[in-house]
Amino acid sequence: MWVLVFFDLPTETKKERKVYSDFRKKLLDDGFTMFQFSIYLRHCPSQENADVHIRRVKNILPEKGQIGILSITDKQFGKMELFHGKKEEPVATPYQQLELF
C-alpha cells in the first residue's frame, strides 16, 4: 500500500509558515517522502499499517488549509506515468520492497 498526503496550507503570515513547516516536518518524521511540492508519500506493507499512518496524519492536521489522504495499492502506484515536460520519466520508488517467504 502507498499512502499519499496532499496539502495546500496558507503561508501568508509568519505563524502560518510555522504551521506549514511543522506539519511538513511531522510527515517526514513519520516516514513520508516528498513526491512533489505539497505531496508526500509513504510505503506501507499492509492496509493495517497504512491505517496507523493515516490516523497519525489525522492527529496532526492543522486548523486551516486543505489536506487530502489517498491510499493506493502497489499495482496502482506502478501504473503511474510521470513526465518532465514532454519527456517521460521512470517512476522512482523511494523505498525498496522486500519479500519474505
PDB file of N, CA and C in Angstrom:
ATOM      1  N   MET A   1       0.837  -1.189   0.000  1.00  0.00           N
ATOM      2  CA  MET A   1       0.000   0.000   0.000  1.00  0.00           C
ATOM      3  C   MET A   1       0.876   1.244   0.000  1.00  0.00           C
ATOM      4  N   TRP A   2       0.370   2.262  -0.625  1.00  0.00           N
ATOM      5  CA  TRP A   2       1.003   3.577  -0.603  1.00  0.00           C
ATOM      6  C   TRP A   2       0.011   4.570  -0.028  1.00  0.00           C
ATOM      7  N   VAL A   3       0.475   5.415   0.863  1.00  0.00           N
ATOM      8  CA  VAL A   3      -0.350   6.485   1.425  1.00  0.00           C
ATOM      9  C   VAL A   3       0.206   7.801   0.898  1.00  0.00           C
ATOM     10  N   LEU A   4      -0.658   8.569   0.244  1.00  0.00           N
ATOM     11  CA  LEU A   4      -0.275   9.884  -0.274  1.00  0.00           C
ATOM     12  C   LEU A   4      -1.016  10.952   0.512  1.00  0.00           C
ATOM     13  N   VAL A   5      -0.315  11.996   0.883  1.00  0.00           N
ATOM     14  CA  VAL A   5      -0.909  13.139   1.583  1.00  0.00           C
ATOM     15  C   VAL A   5      -0.700  14.361   0.713  1.00  0.00           C
ATOM     16  N   PHE A   6      -1.820  14.978   0.328  1.00  0.00           N
ATOM     17  CA  PHE A   6      -1.805  16.206  -0.476  1.00  0.00           C
ATOM     18  C   PHE A   6      -2.228  17.343   0.434  1.00  0.00           C
ATOM     19  N   PHE A   7      -1.536  18.452   0.374  1.00  0.00           N
ATOM     20  CA  PHE A   7      -1.979  19.558   1.224  1.00  0.00           C
ATOM     21  C   PHE A   7      -1.682  20.906   0.586  1.00  0.00           C
ATOM     22  N   ASP A   8      -2.544  21.843   0.915  1.00  0.00           N
ATOM     23  CA  ASP A   8      -2.415  23.239   0.496  1.00  0.00           C
ATOM     24  C   ASP A   8      -2.699  24.064   1.735  1.00  0.00           C
ATOM     25  N   LEU A   9      -1.642  24.545   2.364  1.00  0.00           N
ATOM     26  CA  LEU A   9      -1.775  25.307   3.603  1.00  0.00           C
ATOM     27  C   LEU A   9      -1.421  26.765   3.366  1.00  0.00           C
ATOM     28  N   PRO A  10      -2.097  27.681   4.063  1.00  0.00           N
ATOM     29  CA  PRO A  10      -1.765  29.099   3.911  1.00  0.00           C
ATOM     30  C   PRO A  10      -0.371  29.397   4.457  1.00  0.00           C
ATOM     31  N   THR A  11       0.327  30.333   3.797  1.00  0.00           N
ATOM     32  CA  THR A  11       1.690  30.694   4.222  1.00  0.00           C
ATOM     33  C   THR A  11       1.900  32.215   4.179  1.00  0.00           C
ATOM     34  N   GLU A  12       0.835  32.975   4.395  1.00  0.00           N
ATOM     35  CA  GLU A  12       0.941  34.423   4.291  1.00  0.00           C
ATOM     36  C   GLU A  12       1.591  35.074   5.509  1.00  0.00           C
ATOM     37  N   THR A  13       1.345  34.538   6.683  1.00  0.00           N
ATOM     38  CA  THR A  13       1.916  35.131   7.892  1.00  0.00           C
ATOM     39  C   THR A  13       3.035  34.235   8.434  1.00  0.00           C
ATOM     40  N   LYS A  14       3.801  34.782   9.353  1.00  0.00           N
ATOM     41  CA  LYS A  14       4.885  34.014   9.964  1.00  0.00           C
ATOM     42  C   LYS A  14       4.333  32.803  10.720  1.00  0.00           C
ATOM     43  N   LYS A  15       3.207  32.988  11.409  1.00  0.00           N
ATOM     44  CA  LYS A  15       2.582  31.891  12.154  1.00  0.00           C
ATOM     45  C   LYS A  15       2.118  30.791  11.191  1.00  0.00           C
ATOM     46  N   GLU A  16       1.526  31.173  10.062  1.00  0.00           N
ATOM     47  CA  GLU A  16       1.063  30.181   9.079  1.00  0.00           C
ATOM     48  C   GLU A  16       2.238  29.410   8.473  1.00  0.00           C
ATOM     49  N   ARG A  17       3.338  30.102   8.227  1.00  0.00           N
ATOM     50  CA  ARG A  17       4.530  29.421   7.706  1.00  0.00           C
ATOM     51  C   ARG A  17       5.076  28.424   8.724  1.00  0.00           C
ATOM     52  N   LYS A  18       4.997  28.774  10.006  1.00  0.00           N
ATOM     53  CA  LYS A  18       5.442  27.856  11.063  1.00  0.00           C
ATOM     54  C   LYS A  18       4.551  26.617  11.108  1.00  0.00           C
ATOM     55  N   VAL A  19       3.244  26.801  10.999  1.00  0.00           N
ATOM     56  CA  VAL A  19       2.308  25.674  10.995  1.00  0.00           C
ATOM     57  C   VAL A  19       2.600  24.773   9.801  1.00  0.00           C
ATOM     58  N   TYR A  20       2.829  25.373   8.631  1.00  0.00           N
ATOM     59  CA  TYR A  20       3.163  24.616   7.417  1.00  0.00           C
ATOM     60  C   TYR A  20       4.444  23.808   7.637  1.00  0.00           C
ATOM     61  N   SER A  21       5.453  24.460   8.167  1.00  0.00           N
ATOM     62  CA  SER A  21       6.740  23.814   8.395  1.00  0.00           C
ATOM     63  C   SER A  21       6.629  22.676   9.406  1.00  0.00           C
ATOM     64  N   ASP A  22       5.881  22.899  10.476  1.00  0.00           N
ATOM     65  CA  ASP A  22       5.702  21.862  11.497  1.00  0.00           C
ATOM     66  C   ASP A  22       4.959  20.654  10.926  1.00  0.00           C
ATOM     67  N   PHE A  23       3.914  20.890  10.132  1.00  0.00           N
ATOM     68  CA  PHE A  23       3.149  19.798   9.531  1.00  0.00           C
ATOM     69  C   PHE A  23       4.049  18.981   8.609  1.00  0.00           C
ATOM     70  N   ARG A  24       4.812  19.670   7.778  1.00  0.00           N
ATOM     71  CA  ARG A  24       5.729  19.000   6.852  1.00  0.00           C
ATOM     72  C   ARG A  24       6.779  18.183   7.616  1.00  0.00           C
ATOM     73  N   LYS A  25       7.325  18.754   8.678  1.00  0.00           N
ATOM     74  CA  LYS A  25       8.342  18.058   9.479  1.00  0.00           C
ATOM     75  C   LYS A  25       7.761  16.809  10.140  1.00  0.00           C
ATOM     76  N   LYS A  26       6.535  16.900  10.628  1.00  0.00           N
ATOM     77  CA  LYS A  26       5.901  15.733  11.249  1.00  0.00           C
ATOM     78  C   LYS A  26       5.656  14.630  10.229  1.00  0.00           C
ATOM     79  N   LEU A  27       5.319  14.993   9.000  1.00  0.00           N
ATOM     80  CA  LEU A  27       5.164  13.991   7.945  1.00  0.00           C
ATOM     81  C   LEU A  27       6.500  13.284   7.684  1.00  0.00           C
ATOM     82  N   LEU A  28       7.558  14.074   7.593  1.00  0.00           N
ATOM     83  CA  LEU A  28       8.889  13.493   7.360  1.00  0.00           C
ATOM     84  C   LEU A  28       9.303  12.593   8.522  1.00  0.00           C
ATOM     85  N   ASP A  29       9.013  13.016   9.753  1.00  0.00           N
ATOM     86  CA  ASP A  29       9.346  12.214  10.932  1.00  0.00           C
ATOM     87  C   ASP A  29       8.593  10.885  10.950  1.00  0.00           C
ATOM     88  N   ASP A  30       7.415  10.857  10.320  1.00  0.00           N
ATOM     89  CA  ASP A  30       6.619   9.630  10.270  1.00  0.00           C
ATOM     90  C   ASP A  30       6.981   8.760   9.062  1.00  0.00           C
ATOM     91  N   GLY A  31       8.030   9.122   8.338  1.00  0.00           N
ATOM     92  CA  GLY A  31       8.500   8.279   7.245  1.00  0.00           C
ATOM     93  C   GLY A  31       7.986   8.648   5.872  1.00  0.00           C
ATOM     94  N   PHE A  32       7.287   9.763   5.752  1.00  0.00           N
ATOM     95  CA  PHE A  32       6.821  10.203   4.440  1.00  0.00           C
ATOM     96  C   PHE A  32       7.972  10.848   3.674  1.00  0.00           C
ATOM     97  N   THR A  33       7.905  10.770   2.356  1.00  0.00           N
ATOM     98  CA  THR A  33       8.912  11.339   1.476  1.00  0.00           C
ATOM     99  C   THR A  33       8.228  12.318   0.527  1.00  0.00           C
ATOM    100  N   MET A  34       8.895  13.436   0.226  1.00  0.00           N
ATOM    101  CA  MET A  34       8.311  14.393  -0.697  1.00  0.00           C
ATOM    102  C   MET A  34       8.289  13.809  -2.105  1.00  0.00           C
ATOM    103  N   PHE A  35       7.114  13.791  -2.713  1.00  0.00           N
ATOM    104  CA  PHE A  35       6.938  13.326  -4.085  1.00  0.00           C
ATOM    105  C   PHE A  35       6.939  14.525  -5.021  1.00  0.00           C
ATOM    106  N   GLN A  36       6.192  15.544  -4.668  1.00  0.00           N
ATOM    107  CA  GLN A  36       6.178  16.843  -5.328  1.00  0.00           C
ATOM    108  C   GLN A  36       5.947  17.867  -4.217  1.00  0.00           C
ATOM    109  N   PHE A  37       6.011  19.147  -4.558  1.00  0.00           N
ATOM    110  CA  PHE A  37       5.720  20.148  -3.538  1.00  0.00           C
ATOM    111  C   PHE A  37       4.318  19.878  -2.989  1.00  0.00           C
ATOM    112  N   SER A  38       4.190  19.775  -1.704  1.00  0.00           N
ATOM    113  CA  SER A  38       2.925  19.562  -1.006  1.00  0.00           C
ATOM    114  C   SER A  38       2.263  18.216  -1.305  1.00  0.00           C
ATOM    115  N   ILE A  39       3.027  17.258  -1.822  1.00  0.00           N
ATOM    116  CA  ILE A  39       2.551  15.879  -1.971  1.00  0.00           C
ATOM    117  C   ILE A  39       3.617  14.971  -1.370  1.00  0.00           C
ATOM    118  N   TYR A  40       3.229  14.255  -0.342  1.00  0.00           N
ATOM    119  CA  TYR A  40       4.150  13.363   0.349  1.00  0.00           C
ATOM    120  C   TYR A  40       3.591  11.947   0.301  1.00  0.00           C
ATOM    121  N   LEU A  41       4.484  10.965   0.226  1.00  0.00           N
ATOM    122  CA  LEU A  41       4.024   9.585   0.161  1.00  0.00           C
ATOM    123  C   LEU A  41       4.833   8.691   1.071  1.00  0.00           C
ATOM    124  N   ARG A  42       4.227   7.560   1.385  1.00  0.00           N
ATOM    125  CA  ARG A  42       4.876   6.591   2.267  1.00  0.00           C
ATOM    126  C   ARG A  42       4.416   5.199   1.882  1.00  0.00           C
ATOM    127  N   HIS A  43       5.354   4.272   1.803  1.00  0.00           N
ATOM    128  CA  HIS A  43       5.008   2.880   1.531  1.00  0.00           C
ATOM    129  C   HIS A  43       4.666   2.184   2.839  1.00  0.00           C
ATOM    130  N   CYS A  44       3.603   1.379   2.812  1.00  0.00           N
ATOM    131  CA  CYS A  44       3.179   0.607   3.974  1.00  0.00           C
ATOM    132  C   CYS A  44       3.000  -0.845   3.546  1.00  0.00           C
ATOM    133  N   PRO A  45       3.478  -1.788   4.345  1.00  0.00           N
ATOM    134  CA  PRO A  45       3.412  -3.197   3.949  1.00  0.00           C
ATOM    135  C   PRO A  45       1.998  -3.786   3.966  1.00  0.00           C
ATOM    136  N   SER A  46       1.045  -3.141   4.622  1.00  0.00           N
ATOM    137  CA  SER A  46      -0.311  -3.685   4.702  1.00  0.00           C
ATOM    138  C   SER A  46      -1.315  -2.551   4.893  1.00  0.00           C
ATOM    139  N   GLN A  47      -2.595  -2.887   4.708  1.00  0.00           N
ATOM    140  CA  GLN A  47      -3.646  -1.900   4.928  1.00  0.00           C
ATOM    141  C   GLN A  47      -3.703  -1.496   6.401  1.00  0.00           C
ATOM    142  N   GLU A  48      -3.457  -2.435   7.284  1.00  0.00           N
ATOM    143  CA  GLU A  48      -3.478  -2.139   8.719  1.00  0.00           C
ATOM    144  C   GLU A  48      -2.392  -1.121   9.075  1.00  0.00           C
ATOM    145  N   ASN A  49      -1.205  -1.306   8.500  1.00  0.00           N
ATOM    146  CA  ASN A  49      -0.116  -0.369   8.737  1.00  0.00           C
ATOM    147  C   ASN A  49      -0.438   0.997   8.131  1.00  0.00           C
ATOM    148  N   ALA A  50      -1.047   0.994   6.952  1.00  0.00           N
ATOM    149  CA  ALA A  50      -1.451   2.256   6.314  1.00  0.00           C
ATOM    150  C   ALA A  50      -2.451   2.993   7.194  1.00  0.00           C
ATOM    151  N   ASP A  51      -3.389   2.242   7.794  1.00  0.00           N
ATOM    152  CA  ASP A  51      -4.384   2.868   8.676  1.00  0.00           C
ATOM    153  C   ASP A  51      -3.727   3.560   9.871  1.00  0.00           C
ATOM    154  N   VAL A  52      -2.655   2.974  10.385  1.00  0.00           N
ATOM    155  CA  VAL A  52      -1.919   3.575  11.508  1.00  0.00           C
ATOM    156  C   VAL A  52      -1.359   4.934  11.090  1.00  0.00           C
ATOM    157  N   HIS A  53      -0.737   4.990   9.923  1.00  0.00           N
ATOM    158  CA  HIS A  53      -0.127   6.241   9.471  1.00  0.00           C
ATOM    159  C   HIS A  53      -1.185   7.266   9.066  1.00  0.00           C
ATOM    160  N   ILE A  54      -2.299   6.808   8.552  1.00  0.00           N
ATOM    161  CA  ILE A  54      -3.399   7.734   8.234  1.00  0.00           C
ATOM    162  C   ILE A  54      -3.926   8.361   9.510  1.00  0.00           C
ATOM    163  N   ARG A  55      -4.076   7.558  10.564  1.00  0.00           N
ATOM    164  CA  ARG A  55      -4.520   8.109  11.861  1.00  0.00           C
ATOM    165  C   ARG A  55      -3.529   9.137  12.384  1.00  0.00           C
ATOM    166  N   ARG A  56      -2.234   8.855  12.220  1.00  0.00           N
ATOM    167  CA  ARG A  56      -1.216   9.812  12.675  1.00  0.00           C
ATOM    168  C   ARG A  56      -1.333  11.139  11.936  1.00  0.00           C
ATOM    169  N   VAL A  57      -1.572  11.079  10.626  1.00  0.00           N
ATOM    170  CA  VAL A  57      -1.739  12.311   9.850  1.00  0.00           C
ATOM    171  C   VAL A  57      -2.976  13.057  10.324  1.00  0.00           C
ATOM    172  N   LYS A  58      -4.061  12.332  10.553  1.00  0.00           N
ATOM    173  CA  LYS A  58      -5.296  12.982  11.019  1.00  0.00           C
ATOM    174  C   LYS A  58      -5.092  13.657  12.369  1.00  0.00           C
ATOM    175  N   ASN A  59      -4.209  13.104  13.193  1.00  0.00           N
ATOM    176  CA  ASN A  59      -3.958  13.698  14.511  1.00  0.00           C
ATOM    177  C   ASN A  59      -3.126  14.969  14.453  1.00  0.00           C
ATOM    178  N   ILE A  60      -2.453  15.224  13.347  1.00  0.00           N
ATOM    179  CA  ILE A  60      -1.608  16.422  13.246  1.00  0.00           C
ATOM    180  C   ILE A  60      -2.168  17.455  12.256  1.00  0.00           C
ATOM    181  N   LEU A  61      -3.420  17.288  11.833  1.00  0.00           N
ATOM    182  CA  LEU A  61      -3.998  18.215  10.862  1.00  0.00           C
ATOM    183  C   LEU A  61      -4.024  19.638  11.410  1.00  0.00           C
ATOM    184  N   PRO A  62      -3.565  20.603  10.612  1.00  0.00           N
ATOM    185  CA  PRO A  62      -3.627  22.000  11.059  1.00  0.00           C
ATOM    186  C   PRO A  62      -5.061  22.539  10.993  1.00  0.00           C
ATOM    187  N   GLU A  63      -5.281  23.662  11.665  1.00  0.00           N
ATOM    188  CA  GLU A  63      -6.608  24.279  11.729  1.00  0.00           C
ATOM    189  C   GLU A  63      -7.086  24.771  10.363  1.00  0.00           C
ATOM    190  N   LYS A  64      -6.158  25.320   9.565  1.00  0.00           N
ATOM    191  CA  LYS A  64      -6.525  25.901   8.270  1.00  0.00           C
ATOM    192  C   LYS A  64      -5.875  25.115   7.139  1.00  0.00           C
ATOM    193  N   GLY A  65      -6.420  25.285   5.943  1.00  0.00           N
ATOM    194  CA  GLY A  65      -5.843  24.654   4.767  1.00  0.00           C
ATOM    195  C   GLY A  65      -6.650  23.457   4.310  1.00  0.00           C
ATOM    196  N   GLN A  66      -6.204  22.880   3.220  1.00  0.00           N
ATOM    197  CA  GLN A  66      -6.864  21.709   2.650  1.00  0.00           C
ATOM    198  C   GLN A  66      -5.875  20.551   2.630  1.00  0.00           C
ATOM    199  N   ILE A  67      -6.311  19.405   3.140  1.00  0.00           N
ATOM    200  CA  ILE A  67      -5.457  18.228   3.202  1.00  0.00           C
ATOM    201  C   ILE A  67      -6.244  17.043   2.656  1.00  0.00           C
ATOM    202  N   GLY A  68      -5.608  16.255   1.813  1.00  0.00           N
ATOM    203  CA  GLY A  68      -6.214  15.039   1.288  1.00  0.00           C
ATOM    204  C   GLY A  68      -5.304  13.858   1.585  1.00  0.00           C
ATOM    205  N   ILE A  69      -5.910  12.705   1.855  1.00  0.00           N
ATOM    206  CA  ILE A  69      -5.159  11.478   2.115  1.00  0.00           C
ATOM    207  C   ILE A  69      -5.703  10.419   1.171  1.00  0.00           C
ATOM    208  N   LEU A  70      -4.808   9.738   0.466  1.00  0.00           N
ATOM    209  CA  LEU A  70      -5.205   8.717  -0.503  1.00  0.00           C
ATOM    210  C   LEU A  70      -4.372   7.469  -0.290  1.00  0.00           C
ATOM    211  N   SER A  71      -5.023   6.316  -0.268  1.00  0.00           N
ATOM    212  CA  SER A  71      -4.323   5.028  -0.185  1.00  0.00           C
ATOM    213  C   SER A  71      -4.485   4.317  -1.524  1.00  0.00           C
ATOM    214  N   ILE A  72      -3.374   3.820  -2.059  1.00  0.00           N
ATOM    215  CA  ILE A  72      -3.432   3.054  -3.297  1.00  0.00           C
ATOM    216  C   ILE A  72      -2.560   1.813  -3.153  1.00  0.00           C
ATOM    217  N   THR A  73      -2.818   0.830  -3.979  1.00  0.00           N
ATOM    218  CA  THR A  73      -2.048  -0.406  -3.931  1.00  0.00           C
ATOM    219  C   THR A  73      -0.736  -0.242  -4.691  1.00  0.00           C
ATOM    220  N   ASP A  74       0.169  -1.203  -4.490  1.00  0.00           N
ATOM    221  CA  ASP A  74       1.431  -1.187  -5.227  1.00  0.00           C
ATOM    222  C   ASP A  74       1.178  -1.257  -6.728  1.00  0.00           C
ATOM    223  N   LYS A  75       0.193  -2.054  -7.126  1.00  0.00           N
ATOM    224  CA  LYS A  75      -0.123  -2.208  -8.555  1.00  0.00           C
ATOM    225  C   LYS A  75      -0.602  -0.876  -9.146  1.00  0.00           C
ATOM    226  N   GLN A  76      -1.472  -0.181  -8.422  1.00  0.00           N
ATOM    227  CA  GLN A  76      -1.947   1.119  -8.887  1.00  0.00           C
ATOM    228  C   GLN A  76      -0.800   2.124  -8.956  1.00  0.00           C
ATOM    229  N   PHE A  77       0.067   2.110  -7.948  1.00  0.00           N
ATOM    230  CA  PHE A  77       1.217   3.021  -7.933  1.00  0.00           C
ATOM    231  C   PHE A  77       2.119   2.736  -9.130  1.00  0.00           C
ATOM    232  N   GLY A  78       2.295   1.460  -9.460  1.00  0.00           N
ATOM    233  CA  GLY A  78       3.147   1.069 -10.579  1.00  0.00           C
ATOM    234  C   GLY A  78       2.613   1.501 -11.933  1.00  0.00           C
ATOM    235  N   LYS A  79       1.321   1.772 -12.018  1.00  0.00           N
ATOM    236  CA  LYS A  79       0.724   2.217 -13.285  1.00  0.00           C
ATOM    237  C   LYS A  79       0.837   3.720 -13.491  1.00  0.00           C
ATOM    238  N   MET A  80       1.424   4.416 -12.529  1.00  0.00           N
ATOM    239  CA  MET A  80       1.557   5.864 -12.639  1.00  0.00           C
ATOM    240  C   MET A  80       2.525   6.220 -13.764  1.00  0.00           C
ATOM    241  N   GLU A  81       2.171   7.221 -14.537  1.00  0.00           N
ATOM    242  CA  GLU A  81       3.053   7.747 -15.579  1.00  0.00           C
ATOM    243  C   GLU A  81       3.497   9.139 -15.152  1.00  0.00           C
ATOM    244  N   LEU A  82       4.791   9.369 -15.170  1.00  0.00           N
ATOM    245  CA  LEU A  82       5.346  10.663 -14.783  1.00  0.00           C
ATOM    246  C   LEU A  82       6.042  11.291 -15.976  1.00  0.00           C
ATOM    247  N   PHE A  83       5.919  12.602 -16.112  1.00  0.00           N
ATOM    248  CA  PHE A  83       6.531  13.327 -17.217  1.00  0.00           C
ATOM    249  C   PHE A  83       7.269  14.543 -16.686  1.00  0.00           C
ATOM    250  N   HIS A  84       8.371  14.840 -17.281  1.00  0.00           N
ATOM    251  CA  HIS A  84       9.113  16.067 -17.012  1.00  0.00           C
ATOM    252  C   HIS A  84       9.047  16.851 -18.309  1.00  0.00           C
ATOM    253  N   GLY A  85       8.124  17.814 -18.359  1.00  0.00           N
ATOM    254  CA  GLY A  85       7.832  18.441 -19.638  1.00  0.00           C
ATOM    255  C   GLY A  85       7.142  17.399 -20.511  1.00  0.00           C
ATOM    256  N   LYS A  86       7.613  17.199 -21.721  1.00  0.00           N
ATOM    257  CA  LYS A  86       7.043  16.181 -22.597  1.00  0.00           C
ATOM    258  C   LYS A  86       7.793  14.860 -22.505  1.00  0.00           C
ATOM    259  N   LYS A  87       8.914  14.869 -21.779  1.00  0.00           N
ATOM    260  CA  LYS A  87       9.743  13.671 -21.666  1.00  0.00           C
ATOM    261  C   LYS A  87       9.238  12.801 -20.517  1.00  0.00           C
ATOM    262  N   GLU A  88       8.983  11.519 -20.806  1.00  0.00           N
ATOM    263  CA  GLU A  88       8.527  10.605 -19.766  1.00  0.00           C
ATOM    264  C   GLU A  88       9.690  10.232 -18.865  1.00  0.00           C
ATOM    265  N   GLU A  89       9.410  10.212 -17.571  1.00  0.00           N
ATOM    266  CA  GLU A  89      10.409   9.870 -16.564  1.00  0.00           C
ATOM    267  C   GLU A  89      10.027   8.540 -15.926  1.00  0.00           C
ATOM    268  N   PRO A  90      10.984   7.696 -15.601  1.00  0.00           N
ATOM    269  CA  PRO A  90      10.643   6.469 -14.872  1.00  0.00           C
ATOM    270  C   PRO A  90      10.180   6.801 -13.461  1.00  0.00           C
ATOM    271  N   VAL A  91       9.262   6.000 -12.948  1.00  0.00           N
ATOM    272  CA  VAL A  91       8.764   6.205 -11.592  1.00  0.00           C
ATOM    273  C   VAL A  91       9.816   5.684 -10.626  1.00  0.00           C
ATOM    274  N   ALA A  92      10.402   6.585  -9.857  1.00  0.00           N
ATOM    275  CA  ALA A  92      11.426   6.202  -8.888  1.00  0.00           C
ATOM    276  C   ALA A  92      10.747   5.893  -7.565  1.00  0.00           C
ATOM    277  N   THR A  93      10.909   4.685  -7.085  1.00  0.00           N
ATOM    278  CA  THR A  93      10.333   4.279  -5.814  1.00  0.00           C
ATOM    279  C   THR A  93      11.305   4.653  -4.705  1.00  0.00           C
ATOM    280  N   PRO A  94      10.858   5.446  -3.716  1.00  0.00           N
ATOM    281  CA  PRO A  94      11.774   5.868  -2.663  1.00  0.00           C
ATOM    282  C   PRO A  94      12.131   4.750  -1.693  1.00  0.00           C
ATOM    283  N   TYR A  95      11.409   3.639  -1.748  1.00  0.00           N
ATOM    284  CA  TYR A  95      11.685   2.534  -0.846  1.00  0.00           C
ATOM    285  C   TYR A  95      11.867   1.261  -1.637  1.00  0.00           C
ATOM    286  N   GLN A  96      12.682   0.389  -1.132  1.00  0.00           N
ATOM    287  CA  GLN A  96      12.838  -0.921  -1.742  1.00  0.00           C
ATOM    288  C   GLN A  96      11.965  -1.894  -0.967  1.00  0.00           C
ATOM    289  N   GLN A  97      11.067  -2.570  -1.682  1.00  0.00           N
ATOM    290  CA  GLN A  97      10.178  -3.509  -1.030  1.00  0.00           C
ATOM    291  C   GLN A  97      10.823  -4.888  -1.028  1.00  0.00           C
ATOM    292  N   LEU A  98      10.834  -5.516   0.113  1.00  0.00           N
ATOM    293  CA  LEU A  98      11.407  -6.841   0.261  1.00  0.00           C
ATOM    294  C   LEU A  98      10.292  -7.873   0.419  1.00  0.00           C
ATOM    295  N   GLU A  99      10.486  -9.034  -0.158  1.00  0.00           N
ATOM    296  CA  GLU A  99       9.539 -10.120   0.015  1.00  0.00           C
ATOM    297  C   GLU A  99      10.161 -11.161   0.922  1.00  0.00           C
ATOM    298  N   LEU A 100       9.402 -11.590   1.918  1.00  0.00           N
ATOM    299  CA  LEU A 100       9.842 -12.639   2.815  1.00  0.00           C
ATOM    300  C   LEU A 100       8.957 -13.851   2.606  1.00  0.00           C
ATOM    301  N   PHE A 101       9.581 -14.991   2.504  1.00  0.00           N
ATOM    302  CA  PHE A 101       8.809 -16.214   2.261  1.00  0.00           C
ATOM    303  C   PHE A 101       8.617 -16.978   3.534  1.00  0.00           C
TER     304      PHE A 101
END
